[in-house]
Amino acid sequence: MKNIPSFNEFVFEATEDIGSNSFELSYPGTYIAKWTVTDAPSDENTEAKKFDFSIKVEHPDSTITGTTIKDSFTMAFSKYSTGVYSLGKDVEKFMGIPEEEVKRDVESGKESKDDAIIYGMVNIMNGGKDIYFWNNGTRMGGAAEKVGALTALVEQISHEAGVHLNRVLLTRHIARQDKVDTNNEDWVTYNYGAGEYVWPAVGDPTDKAPIIAIDEETFATIGGALVSIVIKPFMEMASKYVPDTPKF
């Protein structure tokens, strides 16, 4: 087994800082990602960043090789579940969990590091125009105490960003390809092949599925790119709640 000379060499990244909070990462034969990070609206117990990005798919087995996907999302960490509502004007509408109910439960002490009302969430807001990827810092800290920092952090970022955020963004890309308005709710309720509210499935494009499929290689490529884009700021935000978070 090859020994890693130092932790600094282990965490070396090829991400290039191109100025003005903008970055670029080229993963040979897989993708080229570019993104800009800016502060996003939040309350006093929440830290939020907006990512405006483009990902050019270069994986040879993807059905959209050569295509560039452009979009944006907000990533945030909050001390309490109430923080998710500070990200946009209509978070409650699309999430379905009443803000007043969550506020009441948090104030009465029903939320703790072992039992959060909302652990993590990916959803739309601001009329369907914006997307967020939100994390409950207190609950993540509790999870890290039980399973370890590495497991808790990797599970959260792969679960929320690698899967949920990935699917939402790819679905919106399909909607835009079909000339659907993505500045409102039209793209959420659009018929992707099996009726309203049934989003594209992930799978082998050769399958005779009754709905449009997001091919698995594209899904894997975009998921990996999204995790690469958010990994450092995710770790920085998480470190406030998980002391053993690696410092990049």
C-alpha atoms as a PDB file:
ATOM      1  CA  MET A   1       0.000   0.000   0.000  1.00  0.00           C
ATOM      2  CA  LYS A   2       1.415   3.360  -1.013  1.00  0.00           C
ATOM      3  CA  ASN A   3       1.846   5.809   1.848  1.00  0.00           C
ATOM      4  CA  ILE A   4       0.528   9.342   1.440  1.00  0.00           C
ATOM      5  CA  PRO A   5       3.497  11.677   2.076  1.00  0.00           C
ATOM      6  CA  SER A   6       1.405  14.359   3.708  1.00  0.00           C
ATOM      7  CA  PHE A   7      -2.151  15.460   4.284  1.00  0.00           C
ATOM      8  CA  ASN A   8      -1.543  18.535   2.125  1.00  0.00           C
ATOM      9  CA  GLU A   9      -0.682  16.319  -0.834  1.00  0.00           C
ATOM     10  CA  PHE A  10      -3.745  14.192  -0.152  1.00  0.00           C
ATOM     11  CA  VAL A  11      -6.142  17.157  -0.301  1.00  0.00           C
ATOM     12  CA  PHE A  12      -4.464  18.745  -3.320  1.00  0.00           C
ATOM     13  CA  GLU A  13      -7.107  19.808  -5.838  1.00  0.00           C
ATOM     14  CA  ALA A  14      -6.779  20.806  -9.474  1.00  0.00           C
ATOM     15  CA  THR A  15      -9.473  23.453  -9.026  1.00  0.00           C
ATOM     16  CA  GLU A  16      -8.220  26.747 -10.450  1.00  0.00           C
ATOM     17  CA  ASP A  17      -9.145  30.038  -8.777  1.00  0.00           C
ATOM     18  CA  ILE A  18      -9.787  32.369 -11.712  1.00  0.00           C
ATOM     19  CA  GLY A  19     -10.661  35.413  -9.594  1.00  0.00           C
ATOM     20  CA  SER A  20     -13.822  37.199  -8.410  1.00  0.00           C
ATOM     21  CA  ASN A  21     -14.915  34.127  -6.425  1.00  0.00           C
ATOM     22  CA  SER A  22     -14.881  32.093  -9.641  1.00  0.00           C
ATOM     23  CA  PHE A  23     -13.338  28.661 -10.148  1.00  0.00           C
ATOM     24  CA  GLU A  24     -12.696  26.088 -12.856  1.00  0.00           C
ATOM     25  CA  LEU A  25     -12.063  22.355 -12.728  1.00  0.00           C
ATOM     26  CA  SER A  26     -11.287  20.091 -15.672  1.00  0.00           C
ATOM     27  CA  TYR A  27     -11.645  16.377 -14.987  1.00  0.00           C
ATOM     28  CA  PRO A  28     -10.102  14.654 -18.047  1.00  0.00           C
ATOM     29  CA  GLY A  29     -12.569  12.653 -20.081  1.00  0.00           C
ATOM     30  CA  THR A  30     -15.428  13.396 -17.686  1.00  0.00           C
ATOM     31  CA  TYR A  31     -16.396  17.084 -17.345  1.00  0.00           C
ATOM     32  CA  ILE A  32     -15.279  20.706 -17.307  1.00  0.00           C
ATOM     33  CA  ALA A  33     -16.918  22.708 -14.531  1.00  0.00           C
ATOM     34  CA  LYS A  34     -16.901  26.468 -13.977  1.00  0.00           C
ATOM     35  CA  TRP A  35     -18.640  28.255 -11.139  1.00  0.00           C
ATOM     36  CA  THR A  36     -18.951  31.486  -9.170  1.00  0.00           C
ATOM     37  CA  VAL A  37     -19.830  31.651  -5.464  1.00  0.00           C
ATOM     38  CA  THR A  38     -21.635  34.602  -3.854  1.00  0.00           C
ATOM     39  CA  ASP A  39     -23.453  35.246  -0.593  1.00  0.00           C
ATOM     40  CA  ALA A  40     -27.162  34.383  -0.554  1.00  0.00           C
ATOM     41  CA  PRO A  41     -30.056  35.593   1.651  1.00  0.00           C
ATOM     42  CA  SER A  42     -30.381  33.918   5.064  1.00  0.00           C
ATOM     43  CA  ASP A  43     -31.156  34.540   8.732  1.00  0.00           C
ATOM     44  CA  GLU A  44     -28.692  35.050  11.594  1.00  0.00           C
ATOM     45  CA  ASN A  45     -28.450  31.302  12.272  1.00  0.00           C
ATOM     46  CA  THR A  46     -27.858  30.361   8.634  1.00  0.00           C
ATOM     47  CA  GLU A  47     -24.930  30.580   6.239  1.00  0.00           C
ATOM     48  CA  ALA A  48     -25.872  30.492   2.557  1.00  0.00           C
ATOM     49  CA  LYS A  49     -23.923  30.661  -0.702  1.00  0.00           C
ATOM     50  CA  LYS A  50     -25.231  30.840  -4.258  1.00  0.00           C
ATOM     51  CA  PHE A  51     -23.461  28.860  -6.977  1.00  0.00           C
ATOM     52  CA  ASP A  52     -23.795  29.894 -10.626  1.00  0.00           C
ATOM     53  CA  PHE A  53     -22.227  27.118 -12.660  1.00  0.00           C
ATOM     54  CA  SER A  54     -21.709  25.447 -15.998  1.00  0.00           C
ATOM     55  CA  ILE A  55     -20.784  21.799 -16.492  1.00  0.00           C
ATOM     56  CA  LYS A  56     -19.657  20.557 -19.907  1.00  0.00           C
ATOM     57  CA  VAL A  57     -20.185  16.804 -20.088  1.00  0.00           C
ATOM     58  CA  GLU A  58     -17.226  14.998 -21.683  1.00  0.00           C
ATOM     59  CA  HIS A  59     -17.797  11.428 -20.557  1.00  0.00           C
ATOM     60  CA  PRO A  60     -17.853   9.322 -23.746  1.00  0.00           C
ATOM     61  CA  ASP A  61     -20.667   7.083 -22.509  1.00  0.00           C
ATOM     62  CA  SER A  62     -23.049   9.928 -21.667  1.00  0.00           C
ATOM     63  CA  THR A  63     -25.897  10.489 -24.122  1.00  0.00           C
ATOM     64  CA  ILE A  64     -25.288  14.253 -23.903  1.00  0.00           C
ATOM     65  CA  THR A  65     -21.501  14.300 -24.354  1.00  0.00           C
ATOM     66  CA  GLY A  66     -20.461  17.768 -25.516  1.00  0.00           C
ATOM     67  CA  THR A  67     -23.484  19.432 -23.903  1.00  0.00           C
ATOM     68  CA  THR A  68     -22.988  22.240 -21.386  1.00  0.00           C
ATOM     69  CA  ILE A  69     -25.501  22.542 -18.552  1.00  0.00           C
ATOM     70  CA  LYS A  70     -25.829  25.997 -16.991  1.00  0.00           C
ATOM     71  CA  ASP A  71     -27.808  26.684 -13.828  1.00  0.00           C
ATOM     72  CA  SER A  72     -27.604  27.892 -10.236  1.00  0.00           C
ATOM     73  CA  PHE A  73     -28.488  26.798  -6.719  1.00  0.00           C
ATOM     74  CA  THR A  74     -28.095  27.916  -3.113  1.00  0.00           C
ATOM     75  CA  MET A  75     -26.235  25.779  -0.566  1.00  0.00           C
ATOM     76  CA  ALA A  76     -26.823  26.519   3.106  1.00  0.00           C
ATOM     77  CA  PHE A  77     -26.263  25.329   6.664  1.00  0.00           C
ATOM     78  CA  SER A  78     -28.488  26.334   9.579  1.00  0.00           C
ATOM     79  CA  LYS A  79     -28.322  25.804  13.306  1.00  0.00           C
ATOM     80  CA  TYR A  80     -32.035  24.972  13.369  1.00  0.00           C
ATOM     81  CA  SER A  81     -34.648  23.699  10.909  1.00  0.00           C
ATOM     82  CA  THR A  82     -36.263  27.138  10.889  1.00  0.00           C
ATOM     83  CA  GLY A  83     -33.313  28.418   8.866  1.00  0.00           C
ATOM     84  CA  VAL A  84     -34.417  26.764   5.649  1.00  0.00           C
ATOM     85  CA  TYR A  85     -37.350  29.191   5.396  1.00  0.00           C
ATOM     86  CA  SER A  86     -34.985  32.180   5.266  1.00  0.00           C
ATOM     87  CA  LEU A  87     -33.572  31.138   1.884  1.00  0.00           C
ATOM     88  CA  GLY A  88     -36.549  32.236  -0.235  1.00  0.00           C
ATOM     89  CA  LYS A  89     -39.992  33.764  -0.117  1.00  0.00           C
ATOM     90  CA  ASP A  90     -42.060  30.608  -0.618  1.00  0.00           C
ATOM     91  CA  VAL A  91     -40.019  27.714   0.749  1.00  0.00           C
ATOM     92  CA  GLU A  92     -43.011  26.520   2.775  1.00  0.00           C
ATOM     93  CA  LYS A  93     -45.270  26.339  -0.288  1.00  0.00           C
ATOM     94  CA  PHE A  94     -43.072  23.895  -2.177  1.00  0.00           C
ATOM     95  CA  MET A  95     -41.747  21.933   0.797  1.00  0.00           C
ATOM     96  CA  GLY A  96     -45.127  21.430   2.442  1.00  0.00           C
ATOM     97  CA  ILE A  97     -43.967  21.686   6.076  1.00  0.00           C
ATOM     98  CA  PRO A  98     -45.592  24.726   7.790  1.00  0.00           C
ATOM     99  CA  GLU A  99     -43.020  27.277   8.949  1.00  0.00           C
ATOM    100  CA  GLU A 100     -44.998  28.229  12.051  1.00  0.00           C
ATOM    101  CA  GLU A 101     -45.211  24.592  13.088  1.00  0.00           C
ATOM    102  CA  VAL A 102     -41.451  24.152  12.762  1.00  0.00           C
ATOM    103  CA  LYS A 103     -40.786  27.410  14.602  1.00  0.00           C
ATOM    104  CA  ARG A 104     -43.055  26.313  17.452  1.00  0.00           C
ATOM    105  CA  ASP A 105     -41.378  22.922  17.734  1.00  0.00           C
ATOM    106  CA  VAL A 106     -37.869  24.424  17.698  1.00  0.00           C
ATOM    107  CA  GLU A 107     -38.769  27.007  20.342  1.00  0.00           C
ATOM    108  CA  SER A 108     -40.275  24.301  22.558  1.00  0.00           C
ATOM    109  CA  GLY A 109     -37.037  22.301  22.429  1.00  0.00           C
ATOM    110  CA  LYS A 110     -38.251  19.444  20.257  1.00  0.00           C
ATOM    111  CA  GLU A 111     -35.237  19.678  17.972  1.00  0.00           C
ATOM    112  CA  SER A 112     -31.849  18.373  19.036  1.00  0.00           C
ATOM    113  CA  LYS A 113     -28.644  16.937  17.592  1.00  0.00           C
ATOM    114  CA  ASP A 114     -30.274  13.511  17.785  1.00  0.00           C
ATOM    115  CA  ASP A 115     -33.717  14.337  16.388  1.00  0.00           C
ATOM    116  CA  ALA A 116     -34.064  17.225  13.949  1.00  0.00           C
ATOM    117  CA  ILE A 117     -37.334  18.211  12.323  1.00  0.00           C
ATOM    118  CA  ILE A 118     -35.580  18.588   8.958  1.00  0.00           C
ATOM    119  CA  TYR A 119     -32.125  17.042   8.463  1.00  0.00           C
ATOM    120  CA  GLY A 120     -31.419  18.081   4.888  1.00  0.00           C
ATOM    121  CA  MET A 121     -33.480  19.297   1.956  1.00  0.00           C
ATOM    122  CA  VAL A 122     -33.247  19.954  -1.772  1.00  0.00           C
ATOM    123  CA  ASN A 123     -36.198  21.786  -3.271  1.00  0.00           C
ATOM    124  CA  ILE A 124     -37.342  24.775  -5.293  1.00  0.00           C
ATOM    125  CA  MET A 125     -38.289  28.270  -4.137  1.00  0.00           C
ATOM    126  CA  ASN A 126     -39.104  31.762  -5.416  1.00  0.00           C
ATOM    127  CA  GLY A 127     -41.882  30.572  -7.672  1.00  0.00           C
ATOM    128  CA  GLY A 128     -39.851  27.664  -9.028  1.00  0.00           C
ATOM    129  CA  LYS A 129     -37.056  29.892 -10.363  1.00  0.00           C
ATOM    130  CA  ASP A 130     -34.489  28.945  -7.723  1.00  0.00           C
ATOM    131  CA  ILE A 131     -33.179  25.710  -6.176  1.00  0.00           C
ATOM    132  CA  TYR A 132     -31.619  25.154  -2.764  1.00  0.00           C
ATOM    133  CA  PHE A 133     -29.531  22.478  -1.041  1.00  0.00           C
ATOM    134  CA  TRP A 134     -29.945  22.967   2.729  1.00  0.00           C
ATOM    135  CA  ASN A 135     -28.374  21.190   5.720  1.00  0.00           C
ATOM    136  CA  ASN A 136     -29.182  21.094   9.436  1.00  0.00           C
ATOM    137  CA  GLY A 137     -25.822  21.716  11.114  1.00  0.00           C
ATOM    138  CA  THR A 138     -26.894  20.721  14.617  1.00  0.00           C
ATOM    139  CA  ARG A 139     -28.254  17.382  13.438  1.00  0.00           C
ATOM    140  CA  MET A 140     -25.151  16.746  11.333  1.00  0.00           C
ATOM    141  CA  GLY A 141     -23.022  17.288  14.400  1.00  0.00           C
ATOM    142  CA  GLY A 142     -25.100  14.696  16.220  1.00  0.00           C
ATOM    143  CA  ALA A 143     -24.727  12.212  13.386  1.00  0.00           C
ATOM    144  CA  ALA A 144     -20.954  12.730  13.372  1.00  0.00           C
ATOM    145  CA  GLU A 145     -20.801  11.862  17.084  1.00  0.00           C
ATOM    146  CA  LYS A 146     -22.498   8.529  16.346  1.00  0.00           C
ATOM    147  CA  VAL A 147     -20.907   7.395  13.086  1.00  0.00           C
ATOM    148  CA  GLY A 148     -17.842   9.607  12.747  1.00  0.00           C
ATOM    149  CA  ALA A 149     -17.213  12.868  10.919  1.00  0.00           C
ATOM    150  CA  LEU A 150     -16.149  11.327   7.607  1.00  0.00           C
ATOM    151  CA  THR A 151     -19.179   9.051   7.337  1.00  0.00           C
ATOM    152  CA  ALA A 152     -21.653  11.778   8.325  1.00  0.00           C
ATOM    153  CA  LEU A 153     -20.202  14.329   5.918  1.00  0.00           C
ATOM    154  CA  VAL A 154     -19.837  11.986   2.941  1.00  0.00           C
ATOM    155  CA  GLU A 155     -23.329  10.566   3.449  1.00  0.00           C
ATOM    156  CA  GLN A 156     -24.886  14.021   3.548  1.00  0.00           C
ATOM    157  CA  ILE A 157     -23.142  15.505   0.539  1.00  0.00           C
ATOM    158  CA  SER A 158     -23.592  12.404  -1.622  1.00  0.00           C
ATOM    159  CA  HIS A 159     -27.229  12.010  -0.570  1.00  0.00           C
ATOM    160  CA  GLU A 160     -28.344  15.618  -1.020  1.00  0.00           C
ATOM    161  CA  ALA A 161     -25.980  17.011  -3.685  1.00  0.00           C
ATOM    162  CA  GLY A 162     -24.964  13.848  -5.523  1.00  0.00           C
ATOM    163  CA  VAL A 163     -28.505  12.516  -5.866  1.00  0.00           C
ATOM    164  CA  HIS A 164     -31.325  14.945  -5.021  1.00  0.00           C
ATOM    165  CA  LEU A 165     -29.758  18.179  -6.283  1.00  0.00           C
ATOM    166  CA  ASN A 166     -28.372  16.314  -9.286  1.00  0.00           C
ATOM    167  CA  ARG A 167     -31.806  15.022 -10.320  1.00  0.00           C
ATOM    168  CA  VAL A 168     -33.532  18.392  -9.865  1.00  0.00           C
ATOM    169  CA  LEU A 169     -30.942  20.177 -12.001  1.00  0.00           C
ATOM    170  CA  LEU A 170     -30.979  17.533 -14.743  1.00  0.00           C
ATOM    171  CA  THR A 171     -34.771  17.607 -14.806  1.00  0.00           C
ATOM    172  CA  ARG A 172     -34.702  21.368 -15.256  1.00  0.00           C
ATOM    173  CA  HIS A 173     -32.144  20.947 -18.042  1.00  0.00           C
ATOM    174  CA  ILE A 174     -34.549  18.609 -19.860  1.00  0.00           C
ATOM    175  CA  ALA A 175     -37.355  21.120 -19.362  1.00  0.00           C
ATOM    176  CA  ARG A 176     -35.272  23.875 -20.909  1.00  0.00           C
ATOM    177  CA  GLN A 177     -34.399  21.651 -23.848  1.00  0.00           C
ATOM    178  CA  ASP A 178     -38.148  21.251 -24.346  1.00  0.00           C
ATOM    179  CA  LYS A 179     -38.596  25.061 -24.236  1.00  0.00           C
ATOM    180  CA  VAL A 180     -40.500  24.950 -20.930  1.00  0.00           C
ATOM    181  CA  ASP A 181     -40.461  28.098 -18.786  1.00  0.00           C
ATOM    182  CA  THR A 182     -38.235  27.383 -15.770  1.00  0.00           C
ATOM    183  CA  ASN A 183     -38.779  30.759 -14.103  1.00  0.00           C
ATOM    184  CA  ASN A 184     -42.072  29.542 -12.652  1.00  0.00           C
ATOM    185  CA  GLU A 185     -43.771  26.264 -11.725  1.00  0.00           C
ATOM    186  CA  ASP A 186     -44.308  25.108 -15.317  1.00  0.00           C
ATOM    187  CA  TRP A 187     -41.208  22.905 -15.334  1.00  0.00           C
ATOM    188  CA  VAL A 188     -42.178  21.238 -12.048  1.00  0.00           C
ATOM    189  CA  THR A 189     -45.559  20.068 -13.321  1.00  0.00           C
ATOM    190  CA  TYR A 190     -44.475  19.464 -16.924  1.00  0.00           C
ATOM    191  CA  ASN A 191     -45.397  16.094 -18.443  1.00  0.00           C
ATOM    192  CA  TYR A 192     -42.026  14.382 -18.954  1.00  0.00           C
ATOM    193  CA  GLY A 193     -43.645  11.309 -20.467  1.00  0.00           C
ATOM    194  CA  ALA A 194     -45.863   9.766 -17.794  1.00  0.00           C
ATOM    195  CA  GLY A 195     -48.060  12.640 -16.647  1.00  0.00           C
ATOM    196  CA  GLU A 196     -47.677  15.642 -14.377  1.00  0.00           C
ATOM    197  CA  TYR A 197     -45.544  15.319 -11.232  1.00  0.00           C
ATOM    198  CA  VAL A 198     -43.768  12.241 -12.625  1.00  0.00           C
ATOM    199  CA  TRP A 199     -40.188  13.314 -13.220  1.00  0.00           C
ATOM    200  CA  PRO A 200     -37.693  11.604 -15.531  1.00  0.00           C
ATOM    201  CA  ALA A 201     -36.274   8.342 -14.226  1.00  0.00           C
ATOM    202  CA  VAL A 202     -32.590   7.500 -14.080  1.00  0.00           C
ATOM    203  CA  GLY A 203     -31.555   4.403 -15.972  1.00  0.00           C
ATOM    204  CA  ASP A 204     -30.290   2.819 -19.153  1.00  0.00           C
ATOM    205  CA  PRO A 205     -31.534   4.785 -22.180  1.00  0.00           C
ATOM    206  CA  THR A 206     -32.019   1.527 -24.073  1.00  0.00           C
ATOM    207  CA  ASP A 207     -34.713   0.440 -21.615  1.00  0.00           C
ATOM    208  CA  LYS A 208     -38.237   0.574 -23.012  1.00  0.00           C
ATOM    209  CA  ALA A 209     -39.424   2.709 -20.108  1.00  0.00           C
ATOM    210  CA  PRO A 210     -42.752   4.553 -20.375  1.00  0.00           C
ATOM    211  CA  ILE A 211     -41.066   7.772 -19.223  1.00  0.00           C
ATOM    212  CA  ILE A 212     -38.070   9.775 -20.395  1.00  0.00           C
ATOM    213  CA  ALA A 213     -34.875   8.512 -18.739  1.00  0.00           C
ATOM    214  CA  ILE A 214     -31.828  10.403 -17.564  1.00  0.00           C
ATOM    215  CA  ASP A 215     -29.111   7.999 -18.631  1.00  0.00           C
ATOM    216  CA  GLU A 216     -27.072   6.630 -15.769  1.00  0.00           C
ATOM    217  CA  GLU A 217     -23.676   7.824 -17.011  1.00  0.00           C
ATOM    218  CA  THR A 218     -24.919  11.398 -17.342  1.00  0.00           C
ATOM    219  CA  PHE A 219     -26.436  11.196 -13.868  1.00  0.00           C
ATOM    220  CA  ALA A 220     -23.174   9.889 -12.418  1.00  0.00           C
ATOM    221  CA  THR A 221     -21.082  12.515 -14.230  1.00  0.00           C
ATOM    222  CA  ILE A 222     -23.194  15.497 -13.151  1.00  0.00           C
ATOM    223  CA  GLY A 223     -23.441  14.121  -9.615  1.00  0.00           C
ATOM    224  CA  GLY A 224     -19.673  13.877  -9.369  1.00  0.00           C
ATOM    225  CA  ALA A 225     -19.229  17.373 -10.775  1.00  0.00           C
ATOM    226  CA  LEU A 226     -21.706  18.886  -8.310  1.00  0.00           C
ATOM    227  CA  VAL A 227     -19.973  17.264  -5.347  1.00  0.00           C
ATOM    228  CA  SER A 228     -16.624  18.565  -6.630  1.00  0.00           C
ATOM    229  CA  ILE A 229     -18.055  22.075  -6.940  1.00  0.00           C
ATOM    230  CA  VAL A 230     -19.476  22.259  -3.416  1.00  0.00           C
ATOM    231  CA  ILE A 231     -17.030  20.067  -1.459  1.00  0.00           C
ATOM    232  CA  LYS A 232     -14.763  22.795  -0.049  1.00  0.00           C
ATOM    233  CA  PRO A 233     -17.437  25.328   0.998  1.00  0.00           C
ATOM    234  CA  PHE A 234     -19.554  22.415   2.257  1.00  0.00           C
ATOM    235  CA  MET A 235     -16.704  21.297   4.510  1.00  0.00           C
ATOM    236  CA  GLU A 236     -16.078  24.866   5.653  1.00  0.00           C
ATOM    237  CA  MET A 237     -19.726  25.346   6.625  1.00  0.00           C
ATOM    238  CA  ALA A 238     -19.916  21.905   8.235  1.00  0.00           C
ATOM    239  CA  SER A 239     -16.805  22.547  10.358  1.00  0.00           C
ATOM    240  CA  LYS A 240     -18.838  24.888  12.578  1.00  0.00           C
ATOM    241  CA  TYR A 241     -20.951  21.915  13.649  1.00  0.00           C
ATOM    242  CA  VAL A 242     -18.526  19.007  13.163  1.00  0.00           C
ATOM    243  CA  PRO A 243     -15.182  19.836  14.854  1.00  0.00           C
ATOM    244  CA  ASP A 244     -13.327  16.957  13.201  1.00  0.00           C
ATOM    245  CA  THR A 245     -14.081  18.189   9.665  1.00  0.00           C
ATOM    246  CA  PRO A 246     -10.885  18.147   7.531  1.00  0.00           C
ATOM    247  CA  LYS A 247      -9.470  21.605   6.822  1.00  0.00           C
ATOM    248  CA  PHE A 248      -8.727  22.143   3.145  1.00  0.00           C
END
